[in-house]
Every structure is written in C-alpha cells, then in structure tokens.
Amino acid sequence: MNRFCQGSHAGAGASALKTAVALAITLGTLAGFPHAAGAQGVVRSVHQDWQIRCDTPPGAQTEQCALMQSVVAEDRANVGLTVIVLKTADNKSRVLRVIAPLGVLLPAGLGLTIDKQDVGRAGFVRCLPRGCFAEVVMDDNLMRQLRTGQSATFIIFQTPEEGIGFPLSLKGFGEGYDKLP
C-alpha cells in the first residue's frame, strides 16, 4: 500500500508537529460536517475553493492558520470530508490531514487520486467522536501534484467492496498555500 508521500513524523520536528496536529484537530473537528454546530477558526481569506482559517489551539502561544476545504458526498448529504493543509510551526514540514466520517473501514486507509491518476493511500491515525483522521507529511511531489492538478478525489471505504469518492476542487490551492502564514 503506497502512502501519499515518503517521509515520517520523526523528521518533522516533534513539538512543531504536535502543534500542527492540535491546530488541525481544533479547526477540523467541527469544520465541514453537516451535523456540526459550526466551524471553528476565523476565515482570513478565500482562494477560489479553499479557505484559510486561523485559530489559537490550546497551549499555543500564537495564532496558527490552515488551508481548508470541506465537501459532502454527492449521493449522501450526511457524509462529509474535510481536507486541511498546514505548515508546522517551525516551517520545516507541510502536513495534509483529512477528516473522514466515523464508520470508515480503517485498514483500507484513505485513497487519493489527482486528475484521475492514483497517488496512493494513507492510513488513518486516530478516530475521535467527530471523525477519523488520516495524515501525511507532504513531500515535494505531492505538493506539485496538488498545485498543478485540477481535481482530487479522496476515497474512503465503508466495506472492502464499497468505496465513496469525494471530488475536491484544487482551484486556488497553490494561491492559498502561498498565502498561508
């Protein structure tokens, strides 16, 4: 099973990655889910189909921002997915975190295609009451694909045979990422 990118959390800087994870959880636990009370964080800017949202996670000294987009399955209005891209506090790593709904088949992981080309799969790292989280530290190749692509499809599985694709526009991704503090 391929991962979206090569690399691991070990080289990302442990405290910077913990802060990035806290921000992603803070911003992502409510964002984009139809049953949520509302999204956390303040929208700082909109870049076509992407938003930059900022918040101060618990324990952080300063406000941190993430590039986000939420989508709902075309055929299942109650099934949503949120994609969060952020830079670690030390600016040495880029993290792609996807929050999928509860009930996903965890061993199958999260699939990704960009412009109909298979990029690979990433494993889920944890589930919380509001969803299951998959994340990767993005390498240059994945960043290039996201910047130059037109659309991405994230795929979750509820059974080994049943995949649900979430088409996601990449319009504004590069511009939004460049504006990310």
N, C-alpha and C. Protein backbone atom coordinates (compact mmCIF):
# COMPACT_ATOMS: atom_id res chain seq x y z
N MET A 1 0.84 -1.17 0.00
CA MET A 1 0.00 0.00 0.00
C MET A 1 0.89 1.24 0.00
N ASN A 2 0.75 2.05 -0.99
CA ASN A 2 1.53 3.28 -1.08
C ASN A 2 0.99 4.33 -0.13
N ARG A 3 1.88 5.22 0.29
CA ARG A 3 1.47 6.38 1.07
C ARG A 3 1.47 7.57 0.14
N PHE A 4 0.73 8.61 0.49
CA PHE A 4 0.68 9.79 -0.36
C PHE A 4 2.07 10.32 -0.62
N CYS A 5 2.93 10.23 0.37
CA CYS A 5 4.27 10.76 0.22
C CYS A 5 5.23 9.93 1.03
N GLN A 6 6.48 10.09 0.79
CA GLN A 6 7.51 9.43 1.58
C GLN A 6 7.85 10.33 2.75
N GLY A 7 8.30 9.76 3.81
CA GLY A 7 8.68 10.56 4.97
C GLY A 7 7.89 10.10 6.17
N SER A 8 8.29 10.60 7.34
CA SER A 8 7.61 10.21 8.56
C SER A 8 7.53 11.40 9.49
N HIS A 9 6.78 11.20 10.55
CA HIS A 9 6.66 12.26 11.53
C HIS A 9 7.96 12.49 12.29
N ALA A 10 8.82 11.48 12.38
CA ALA A 10 10.03 11.60 13.18
C ALA A 10 10.91 12.74 12.71
N GLY A 11 11.01 12.97 11.42
CA GLY A 11 11.86 14.03 10.91
C GLY A 11 11.18 15.38 10.86
N ALA A 12 9.94 15.46 11.26
CA ALA A 12 9.19 16.70 11.10
C ALA A 12 9.40 17.68 12.25
N GLY A 13 10.01 17.27 13.30
CA GLY A 13 10.14 18.14 14.47
C GLY A 13 8.96 17.87 15.39
N ALA A 14 9.19 17.10 16.44
CA ALA A 14 8.10 16.59 17.25
C ALA A 14 7.20 17.68 17.81
N SER A 15 7.75 18.73 18.42
CA SER A 15 6.88 19.75 19.01
C SER A 15 6.15 20.55 17.94
N ALA A 16 6.79 20.83 16.84
CA ALA A 16 6.13 21.56 15.76
C ALA A 16 4.98 20.73 15.19
N LEU A 17 5.20 19.42 15.05
CA LEU A 17 4.15 18.57 14.52
C LEU A 17 3.01 18.43 15.51
N LYS A 18 3.31 18.35 16.81
CA LYS A 18 2.24 18.29 17.81
C LYS A 18 1.38 19.54 17.75
N THR A 19 2.00 20.70 17.58
CA THR A 19 1.25 21.95 17.47
C THR A 19 0.40 21.93 16.20
N ALA A 20 0.96 21.44 15.10
CA ALA A 20 0.21 21.36 13.85
C ALA A 20 -0.98 20.42 14.00
N VAL A 21 -0.77 19.31 14.68
CA VAL A 21 -1.85 18.35 14.89
C VAL A 21 -2.93 18.98 15.77
N ALA A 22 -2.53 19.70 16.82
CA ALA A 22 -3.52 20.36 17.68
C ALA A 22 -4.34 21.36 16.89
N LEU A 23 -3.69 22.12 16.02
CA LEU A 23 -4.42 23.08 15.19
C LEU A 23 -5.38 22.37 14.25
N ALA A 24 -4.92 21.29 13.63
CA ALA A 24 -5.78 20.56 12.70
C ALA A 24 -6.99 19.99 13.42
N ILE A 25 -6.78 19.50 14.63
CA ILE A 25 -7.91 18.97 15.39
C ILE A 25 -8.85 20.11 15.77
N THR A 26 -8.29 21.22 16.25
CA THR A 26 -9.11 22.36 16.64
C THR A 26 -9.94 22.86 15.47
N LEU A 27 -9.30 23.05 14.32
CA LEU A 27 -10.01 23.57 13.15
C LEU A 27 -10.90 22.51 12.52
N GLY A 28 -10.47 21.27 12.59
CA GLY A 28 -11.16 20.25 11.82
C GLY A 28 -12.25 19.50 12.52
N THR A 29 -12.31 19.53 13.83
CA THR A 29 -13.31 18.70 14.48
C THR A 29 -14.72 19.15 14.18
N LEU A 30 -14.91 20.42 13.90
CA LEU A 30 -16.26 20.89 13.59
C LEU A 30 -16.42 21.33 12.15
N ALA A 31 -15.34 21.62 11.48
CA ALA A 31 -15.45 22.18 10.13
C ALA A 31 -15.96 21.14 9.14
N GLY A 32 -16.92 21.54 8.37
CA GLY A 32 -17.33 20.75 7.22
C GLY A 32 -18.26 19.60 7.50
N PHE A 33 -18.63 19.34 8.71
CA PHE A 33 -19.54 18.25 8.97
C PHE A 33 -20.95 18.79 9.11
N PRO A 34 -21.89 18.24 8.37
CA PRO A 34 -23.24 18.76 8.38
C PRO A 34 -23.88 18.78 9.77
N HIS A 35 -23.48 17.86 10.64
CA HIS A 35 -24.09 17.79 11.96
C HIS A 35 -23.38 18.69 12.97
N ALA A 36 -22.37 19.41 12.54
CA ALA A 36 -21.60 20.24 13.46
C ALA A 36 -22.33 21.54 13.77
N ALA A 37 -22.02 22.08 14.93
CA ALA A 37 -22.64 23.34 15.34
C ALA A 37 -22.13 24.50 14.50
N GLY A 38 -20.93 24.40 14.00
CA GLY A 38 -20.34 25.46 13.19
C GLY A 38 -18.84 25.27 13.13
N ALA A 39 -18.20 25.88 12.18
CA ALA A 39 -16.76 25.72 12.03
C ALA A 39 -16.03 26.63 13.01
N GLN A 40 -14.93 26.11 13.54
CA GLN A 40 -14.10 26.92 14.41
C GLN A 40 -13.07 27.64 13.58
N GLY A 41 -12.48 28.64 14.19
CA GLY A 41 -11.47 29.41 13.48
C GLY A 41 -12.12 30.53 12.69
N VAL A 42 -11.31 31.51 12.42
CA VAL A 42 -11.78 32.68 11.69
C VAL A 42 -11.31 32.56 10.24
N VAL A 43 -12.21 32.78 9.29
CA VAL A 43 -11.82 32.75 7.88
C VAL A 43 -11.01 34.02 7.61
N ARG A 44 -9.74 33.87 7.26
CA ARG A 44 -8.86 35.00 6.97
C ARG A 44 -8.90 35.39 5.50
N SER A 45 -9.04 34.39 4.63
CA SER A 45 -9.11 34.69 3.20
C SER A 45 -9.69 33.48 2.48
N VAL A 46 -10.22 33.76 1.29
CA VAL A 46 -10.79 32.72 0.43
C VAL A 46 -10.01 32.73 -0.87
N HIS A 47 -9.60 31.57 -1.32
CA HIS A 47 -8.83 31.41 -2.55
C HIS A 47 -9.56 30.39 -3.41
N GLN A 48 -10.47 30.89 -4.21
CA GLN A 48 -11.38 30.10 -5.03
C GLN A 48 -12.09 29.09 -4.14
N ASP A 49 -11.74 27.80 -4.23
CA ASP A 49 -12.47 26.78 -3.48
C ASP A 49 -11.84 26.45 -2.13
N TRP A 50 -10.83 27.19 -1.73
CA TRP A 50 -10.13 26.94 -0.47
C TRP A 50 -10.24 28.14 0.46
N GLN A 51 -10.21 27.89 1.76
CA GLN A 51 -10.24 28.95 2.77
C GLN A 51 -9.01 28.83 3.66
N ILE A 52 -8.51 29.97 4.09
CA ILE A 52 -7.52 29.98 5.16
C ILE A 52 -8.27 30.33 6.43
N ARG A 53 -8.21 29.43 7.42
CA ARG A 53 -8.85 29.63 8.72
C ARG A 53 -7.75 29.67 9.78
N CYS A 54 -7.92 30.57 10.74
CA CYS A 54 -6.92 30.73 11.79
C CYS A 54 -7.57 30.59 13.16
N ASP A 55 -6.79 30.04 14.10
CA ASP A 55 -7.25 29.85 15.46
C ASP A 55 -6.02 29.70 16.35
N THR A 56 -6.20 29.85 17.64
CA THR A 56 -5.13 29.62 18.60
C THR A 56 -5.44 28.32 19.33
N PRO A 57 -4.72 27.22 19.00
CA PRO A 57 -5.01 25.95 19.65
C PRO A 57 -4.65 25.98 21.14
N PRO A 58 -5.27 25.13 21.93
CA PRO A 58 -4.95 25.07 23.35
C PRO A 58 -3.45 24.85 23.56
N GLY A 59 -2.86 25.67 24.41
CA GLY A 59 -1.44 25.55 24.72
C GLY A 59 -0.51 26.29 23.78
N ALA A 60 -1.03 26.80 22.67
CA ALA A 60 -0.18 27.52 21.71
C ALA A 60 -0.04 28.99 22.14
N GLN A 61 1.09 29.57 21.83
CA GLN A 61 1.35 30.97 22.17
C GLN A 61 0.79 31.93 21.13
N THR A 62 0.73 31.47 19.89
CA THR A 62 0.30 32.36 18.81
C THR A 62 -0.80 31.71 17.97
N GLU A 63 -1.48 32.55 17.22
CA GLU A 63 -2.50 32.08 16.29
C GLU A 63 -1.82 31.31 15.17
N GLN A 64 -2.47 30.24 14.72
CA GLN A 64 -1.96 29.45 13.61
C GLN A 64 -3.06 29.28 12.57
N CYS A 65 -2.64 29.08 11.34
CA CYS A 65 -3.59 29.04 10.22
C CYS A 65 -3.45 27.77 9.42
N ALA A 66 -4.53 27.40 8.75
CA ALA A 66 -4.54 26.22 7.89
C ALA A 66 -5.36 26.51 6.65
N LEU A 67 -5.01 25.86 5.55
CA LEU A 67 -5.75 25.93 4.30
C LEU A 67 -6.75 24.77 4.32
N MET A 68 -8.03 25.06 4.09
CA MET A 68 -9.06 24.04 4.27
C MET A 68 -10.09 24.04 3.15
N GLN A 69 -10.68 22.85 2.96
CA GLN A 69 -11.85 22.70 2.10
C GLN A 69 -12.66 21.53 2.63
N SER A 70 -13.96 21.70 2.69
CA SER A 70 -14.87 20.64 3.12
C SER A 70 -15.81 20.30 1.99
N VAL A 71 -16.12 19.00 1.85
CA VAL A 71 -17.04 18.55 0.81
C VAL A 71 -17.99 17.51 1.41
N VAL A 72 -19.12 17.36 0.74
CA VAL A 72 -20.11 16.37 1.12
C VAL A 72 -20.28 15.43 -0.07
N ALA A 73 -20.46 14.15 0.19
CA ALA A 73 -20.66 13.17 -0.88
C ALA A 73 -21.89 13.55 -1.70
N GLU A 74 -21.78 13.43 -3.02
CA GLU A 74 -22.87 13.83 -3.91
C GLU A 74 -24.13 13.03 -3.65
N ASP A 75 -23.98 11.75 -3.32
CA ASP A 75 -25.15 10.89 -3.15
C ASP A 75 -25.50 10.63 -1.69
N ARG A 76 -24.77 11.26 -0.76
CA ARG A 76 -25.04 11.07 0.67
C ARG A 76 -24.80 12.40 1.40
N ALA A 77 -25.85 13.17 1.55
CA ALA A 77 -25.73 14.51 2.10
C ALA A 77 -25.22 14.53 3.54
N ASN A 78 -25.29 13.42 4.24
CA ASN A 78 -24.84 13.38 5.63
C ASN A 78 -23.42 12.85 5.79
N VAL A 79 -22.72 12.62 4.69
CA VAL A 79 -21.36 12.10 4.74
C VAL A 79 -20.40 13.17 4.22
N GLY A 80 -19.59 13.73 5.11
CA GLY A 80 -18.68 14.81 4.74
C GLY A 80 -17.22 14.47 4.98
N LEU A 81 -16.37 15.26 4.38
CA LEU A 81 -14.92 15.07 4.47
C LEU A 81 -14.29 16.46 4.51
N THR A 82 -13.29 16.65 5.35
CA THR A 82 -12.59 17.92 5.44
C THR A 82 -11.10 17.69 5.17
N VAL A 83 -10.53 18.52 4.30
CA VAL A 83 -9.10 18.45 3.98
C VAL A 83 -8.44 19.69 4.57
N ILE A 84 -7.37 19.47 5.31
CA ILE A 84 -6.65 20.55 5.99
C ILE A 84 -5.18 20.46 5.61
N VAL A 85 -4.62 21.58 5.17
CA VAL A 85 -3.20 21.65 4.84
C VAL A 85 -2.59 22.73 5.71
N LEU A 86 -1.49 22.41 6.36
CA LEU A 86 -0.84 23.40 7.21
C LEU A 86 0.66 23.20 7.22
N LYS A 87 1.31 24.26 7.63
CA LYS A 87 2.76 24.23 7.82
C LYS A 87 3.01 24.04 9.31
N THR A 88 4.02 23.25 9.66
CA THR A 88 4.35 23.11 11.06
C THR A 88 4.88 24.44 11.58
N ALA A 89 4.85 24.62 12.89
CA ALA A 89 5.24 25.89 13.50
C ALA A 89 6.67 26.29 13.14
N ASP A 90 7.53 25.29 12.91
CA ASP A 90 8.92 25.60 12.55
C ASP A 90 9.11 25.79 11.05
N ASN A 91 8.02 25.72 10.28
CA ASN A 91 8.04 25.87 8.81
C ASN A 91 8.93 24.86 8.10
N LYS A 92 9.21 23.73 8.72
CA LYS A 92 10.07 22.73 8.09
C LYS A 92 9.27 21.63 7.40
N SER A 93 7.99 21.49 7.75
CA SER A 93 7.18 20.42 7.17
C SER A 93 5.80 20.95 6.79
N ARG A 94 5.18 20.22 5.86
CA ARG A 94 3.81 20.51 5.43
C ARG A 94 2.98 19.27 5.72
N VAL A 95 1.85 19.45 6.34
CA VAL A 95 1.00 18.34 6.75
C VAL A 95 -0.31 18.40 5.99
N LEU A 96 -0.72 17.26 5.45
CA LEU A 96 -2.03 17.10 4.83
C LEU A 96 -2.82 16.19 5.76
N ARG A 97 -3.93 16.72 6.30
CA ARG A 97 -4.77 15.95 7.21
C ARG A 97 -6.16 15.90 6.61
N VAL A 98 -6.75 14.72 6.63
CA VAL A 98 -8.10 14.54 6.12
C VAL A 98 -8.94 13.96 7.25
N ILE A 99 -10.08 14.59 7.47
CA ILE A 99 -11.01 14.12 8.49
C ILE A 99 -12.19 13.46 7.78
N ALA A 100 -12.30 12.16 7.99
CA ALA A 100 -13.36 11.36 7.36
C ALA A 100 -14.42 11.04 8.41
N PRO A 101 -15.62 10.69 7.97
CA PRO A 101 -16.68 10.38 8.93
C PRO A 101 -16.41 9.08 9.68
N LEU A 102 -17.01 8.95 10.86
CA LEU A 102 -16.95 7.69 11.59
C LEU A 102 -17.57 6.60 10.74
N GLY A 103 -17.16 5.38 10.96
CA GLY A 103 -17.72 4.26 10.22
C GLY A 103 -16.87 3.84 9.03
N VAL A 104 -15.73 4.53 8.80
CA VAL A 104 -14.87 4.12 7.70
C VAL A 104 -14.17 2.82 8.07
N LEU A 105 -13.82 2.06 7.06
CA LEU A 105 -13.06 0.83 7.26
C LEU A 105 -11.60 1.23 7.41
N LEU A 106 -11.09 1.20 8.64
CA LEU A 106 -9.77 1.73 8.93
C LEU A 106 -8.63 1.01 8.19
N PRO A 107 -8.61 -0.33 8.10
CA PRO A 107 -7.48 -0.97 7.42
C PRO A 107 -7.34 -0.60 5.94
N ALA A 108 -8.45 -0.21 5.30
CA ALA A 108 -8.39 0.15 3.87
C ALA A 108 -7.69 1.48 3.66
N GLY A 109 -7.62 2.31 4.68
CA GLY A 109 -6.98 3.61 4.55
C GLY A 109 -7.80 4.58 3.71
N LEU A 110 -7.15 5.68 3.37
CA LEU A 110 -7.75 6.76 2.59
C LEU A 110 -7.05 6.80 1.24
N GLY A 111 -7.81 6.63 0.17
CA GLY A 111 -7.23 6.68 -1.16
C GLY A 111 -7.23 8.10 -1.71
N LEU A 112 -6.31 8.37 -2.62
CA LEU A 112 -6.24 9.68 -3.27
C LEU A 112 -5.88 9.51 -4.73
N THR A 113 -6.66 10.18 -5.58
CA THR A 113 -6.31 10.33 -6.99
C THR A 113 -6.28 11.83 -7.29
N ILE A 114 -5.37 12.22 -8.15
CA ILE A 114 -5.32 13.60 -8.61
C ILE A 114 -5.39 13.56 -10.13
N ASP A 115 -6.36 14.26 -10.67
CA ASP A 115 -6.61 14.24 -12.12
C ASP A 115 -6.67 12.81 -12.65
N LYS A 116 -7.39 11.96 -11.91
CA LYS A 116 -7.67 10.56 -12.26
C LYS A 116 -6.44 9.66 -12.23
N GLN A 117 -5.32 10.13 -11.68
CA GLN A 117 -4.13 9.29 -11.51
C GLN A 117 -4.02 8.89 -10.05
N ASP A 118 -3.83 7.60 -9.81
CA ASP A 118 -3.72 7.10 -8.45
C ASP A 118 -2.46 7.64 -7.79
N VAL A 119 -2.62 8.26 -6.63
CA VAL A 119 -1.49 8.79 -5.87
C VAL A 119 -1.09 7.80 -4.78
N GLY A 120 -2.06 7.06 -4.26
CA GLY A 120 -1.77 6.07 -3.22
C GLY A 120 -2.79 6.14 -2.11
N ARG A 121 -2.39 5.55 -0.98
CA ARG A 121 -3.26 5.52 0.19
C ARG A 121 -2.47 5.95 1.42
N ALA A 122 -3.21 6.49 2.36
CA ALA A 122 -2.63 6.86 3.66
C ALA A 122 -3.47 6.18 4.74
N GLY A 123 -2.81 5.79 5.80
CA GLY A 123 -3.52 5.14 6.89
C GLY A 123 -4.19 6.14 7.81
N PHE A 124 -5.22 5.68 8.48
CA PHE A 124 -5.87 6.50 9.50
C PHE A 124 -5.05 6.41 10.77
N VAL A 125 -4.90 7.55 11.46
CA VAL A 125 -4.07 7.58 12.65
C VAL A 125 -4.89 7.56 13.94
N ARG A 126 -6.13 8.04 13.90
CA ARG A 126 -6.98 8.00 15.09
C ARG A 126 -8.40 8.38 14.71
N CYS A 127 -9.32 7.98 15.59
CA CYS A 127 -10.71 8.39 15.45
C CYS A 127 -11.12 9.09 16.74
N LEU A 128 -11.81 10.18 16.59
CA LEU A 128 -12.37 10.94 17.69
C LEU A 128 -13.88 10.99 17.48
N PRO A 129 -14.64 11.51 18.44
CA PRO A 129 -16.09 11.49 18.28
C PRO A 129 -16.61 12.15 16.99
N ARG A 130 -15.86 13.07 16.41
CA ARG A 130 -16.35 13.77 15.22
C ARG A 130 -15.79 13.24 13.90
N GLY A 131 -14.90 12.24 13.94
CA GLY A 131 -14.39 11.71 12.68
C GLY A 131 -13.07 10.98 12.86
N CYS A 132 -12.63 10.35 11.76
CA CYS A 132 -11.36 9.62 11.74
C CYS A 132 -10.35 10.42 10.92
N PHE A 133 -9.12 10.45 11.40
CA PHE A 133 -8.09 11.31 10.86
C PHE A 133 -7.02 10.49 10.13
N ALA A 134 -6.72 10.91 8.90
CA ALA A 134 -5.57 10.38 8.16
C ALA A 134 -4.66 11.57 7.91
N GLU A 135 -3.36 11.36 7.98
CA GLU A 135 -2.46 12.48 7.71
C GLU A 135 -1.14 11.99 7.16
N VAL A 136 -0.53 12.86 6.39
CA VAL A 136 0.80 12.61 5.85
C VAL A 136 1.60 13.90 5.90
N VAL A 137 2.90 13.74 6.03
CA VAL A 137 3.80 14.87 5.84
C VAL A 137 4.03 14.93 4.34
N MET A 138 3.69 16.05 3.72
CA MET A 138 3.72 16.16 2.26
C MET A 138 5.14 16.34 1.75
N ASP A 139 5.46 15.59 0.72
CA ASP A 139 6.75 15.77 0.05
C ASP A 139 6.56 16.71 -1.14
N ASP A 140 7.66 17.05 -1.80
CA ASP A 140 7.62 17.99 -2.93
C ASP A 140 6.76 17.47 -4.08
N ASN A 141 6.77 16.16 -4.32
CA ASN A 141 6.00 15.60 -5.41
C ASN A 141 4.50 15.76 -5.17
N LEU A 142 4.04 15.44 -3.97
CA LEU A 142 2.62 15.61 -3.67
C LEU A 142 2.23 17.08 -3.74
N MET A 143 3.07 17.96 -3.23
CA MET A 143 2.78 19.40 -3.29
C MET A 143 2.65 19.86 -4.75
N ARG A 144 3.54 19.40 -5.61
CA ARG A 144 3.49 19.76 -7.03
C ARG A 144 2.19 19.26 -7.65
N GLN A 145 1.80 18.02 -7.34
CA GLN A 145 0.57 17.47 -7.90
C GLN A 145 -0.66 18.27 -7.46
N LEU A 146 -0.68 18.66 -6.20
CA LEU A 146 -1.82 19.45 -5.70
C LEU A 146 -1.84 20.85 -6.32
N ARG A 147 -0.68 21.43 -6.53
CA ARG A 147 -0.61 22.78 -7.13
C ARG A 147 -1.01 22.78 -8.60
N THR A 148 -0.62 21.76 -9.34
CA THR A 148 -0.84 21.77 -10.78
C THR A 148 -2.10 21.02 -11.20
N GLY A 149 -2.68 20.23 -10.31
CA GLY A 149 -3.86 19.46 -10.65
C GLY A 149 -5.12 20.31 -10.70
N GLN A 150 -6.14 19.75 -11.32
CA GLN A 150 -7.45 20.40 -11.41
C GLN A 150 -8.40 19.88 -10.34
N SER A 151 -8.32 18.56 -10.09
CA SER A 151 -9.23 17.98 -9.10
C SER A 151 -8.57 16.79 -8.42
N ALA A 152 -8.98 16.58 -7.19
CA ALA A 152 -8.53 15.43 -6.41
C ALA A 152 -9.77 14.67 -5.97
N THR A 153 -9.62 13.39 -5.79
CA THR A 153 -10.69 12.58 -5.25
C THR A 153 -10.13 11.79 -4.07
N PHE A 154 -10.69 12.03 -2.91
CA PHE A 154 -10.33 11.25 -1.72
C PHE A 154 -11.35 10.13 -1.61
N ILE A 155 -10.88 8.92 -1.31
CA ILE A 155 -11.75 7.75 -1.30
C ILE A 155 -11.69 7.09 0.07
N ILE A 156 -12.87 6.93 0.69
CA ILE A 156 -12.97 6.18 1.93
C ILE A 156 -13.73 4.89 1.63
N PHE A 157 -13.58 3.91 2.49
CA PHE A 157 -14.26 2.63 2.31
C PHE A 157 -15.10 2.35 3.55
N GLN A 158 -16.36 1.98 3.33
CA GLN A 158 -17.21 1.55 4.44
C GLN A 158 -17.24 0.03 4.54
N THR A 159 -16.96 -0.64 3.43
CA THR A 159 -16.76 -2.08 3.38
C THR A 159 -15.61 -2.31 2.41
N PRO A 160 -15.02 -3.51 2.38
CA PRO A 160 -13.92 -3.73 1.41
C PRO A 160 -14.34 -3.50 -0.04
N GLU A 161 -15.63 -3.67 -0.33
CA GLU A 161 -16.11 -3.53 -1.71
C GLU A 161 -16.68 -2.15 -2.01
N GLU A 162 -17.01 -1.37 -1.00
CA GLU A 162 -17.73 -0.12 -1.21
C GLU A 162 -16.87 1.10 -0.89
N GLY A 163 -16.40 1.76 -1.94
CA GLY A 163 -15.66 2.99 -1.78
C GLY A 163 -16.55 4.20 -2.06
N ILE A 164 -16.32 5.27 -1.31
CA ILE A 164 -17.06 6.51 -1.53
C ILE A 164 -16.03 7.56 -1.93
N GLY A 165 -16.18 8.13 -3.11
CA GLY A 165 -15.27 9.16 -3.59
C GLY A 165 -15.78 10.55 -3.28
N PHE A 166 -14.87 11.41 -2.85
CA PHE A 166 -15.19 12.80 -2.56
C PHE A 166 -14.39 13.68 -3.52
N PRO A 167 -15.01 14.14 -4.61
CA PRO A 167 -14.30 15.02 -5.53
C PRO A 167 -14.04 16.37 -4.86
N LEU A 168 -12.83 16.85 -5.04
CA LEU A 168 -12.39 18.08 -4.39
C LEU A 168 -11.70 18.94 -5.43
N SER A 169 -12.13 20.18 -5.55
CA SER A 169 -11.50 21.09 -6.49
C SER A 169 -10.14 21.54 -5.97
N LEU A 170 -9.18 21.61 -6.85
CA LEU A 170 -7.86 22.12 -6.49
C LEU A 170 -7.69 23.58 -6.92
N LYS A 171 -8.76 24.19 -7.42
CA LYS A 171 -8.70 25.60 -7.83
C LYS A 171 -8.41 26.46 -6.61
N GLY A 172 -7.37 27.22 -6.67
CA GLY A 172 -6.99 28.11 -5.58
C GLY A 172 -6.05 27.49 -4.58
N PHE A 173 -5.73 26.20 -4.73
CA PHE A 173 -4.85 25.55 -3.75
C PHE A 173 -3.48 26.22 -3.68
N GLY A 174 -2.83 26.39 -4.83
CA GLY A 174 -1.48 26.97 -4.84
C GLY A 174 -1.47 28.39 -4.30
N GLU A 175 -2.42 29.18 -4.73
CA GLU A 175 -2.52 30.58 -4.25
C GLU A 175 -2.76 30.60 -2.74
N GLY A 176 -3.68 29.76 -2.28
CA GLY A 176 -3.98 29.70 -0.86
C GLY A 176 -2.78 29.24 -0.05
N TYR A 177 -2.08 28.22 -0.54
CA TYR A 177 -0.92 27.73 0.19
C TYR A 177 0.15 28.83 0.28
N ASP A 178 0.35 29.56 -0.80
CA ASP A 178 1.36 30.63 -0.80
C ASP A 178 1.00 31.73 0.18
N LYS A 179 -0.27 31.95 0.47
CA LYS A 179 -0.71 32.99 1.41
C LYS A 179 -0.75 32.49 2.85
N LEU A 180 -0.56 31.20 3.04
CA LEU A 180 -0.62 30.61 4.37
C LEU A 180 0.56 31.11 5.20
N PRO A 181 0.26 31.74 6.36
CA PRO A 181 1.37 32.27 7.18
C PRO A 181 2.24 31.15 7.74
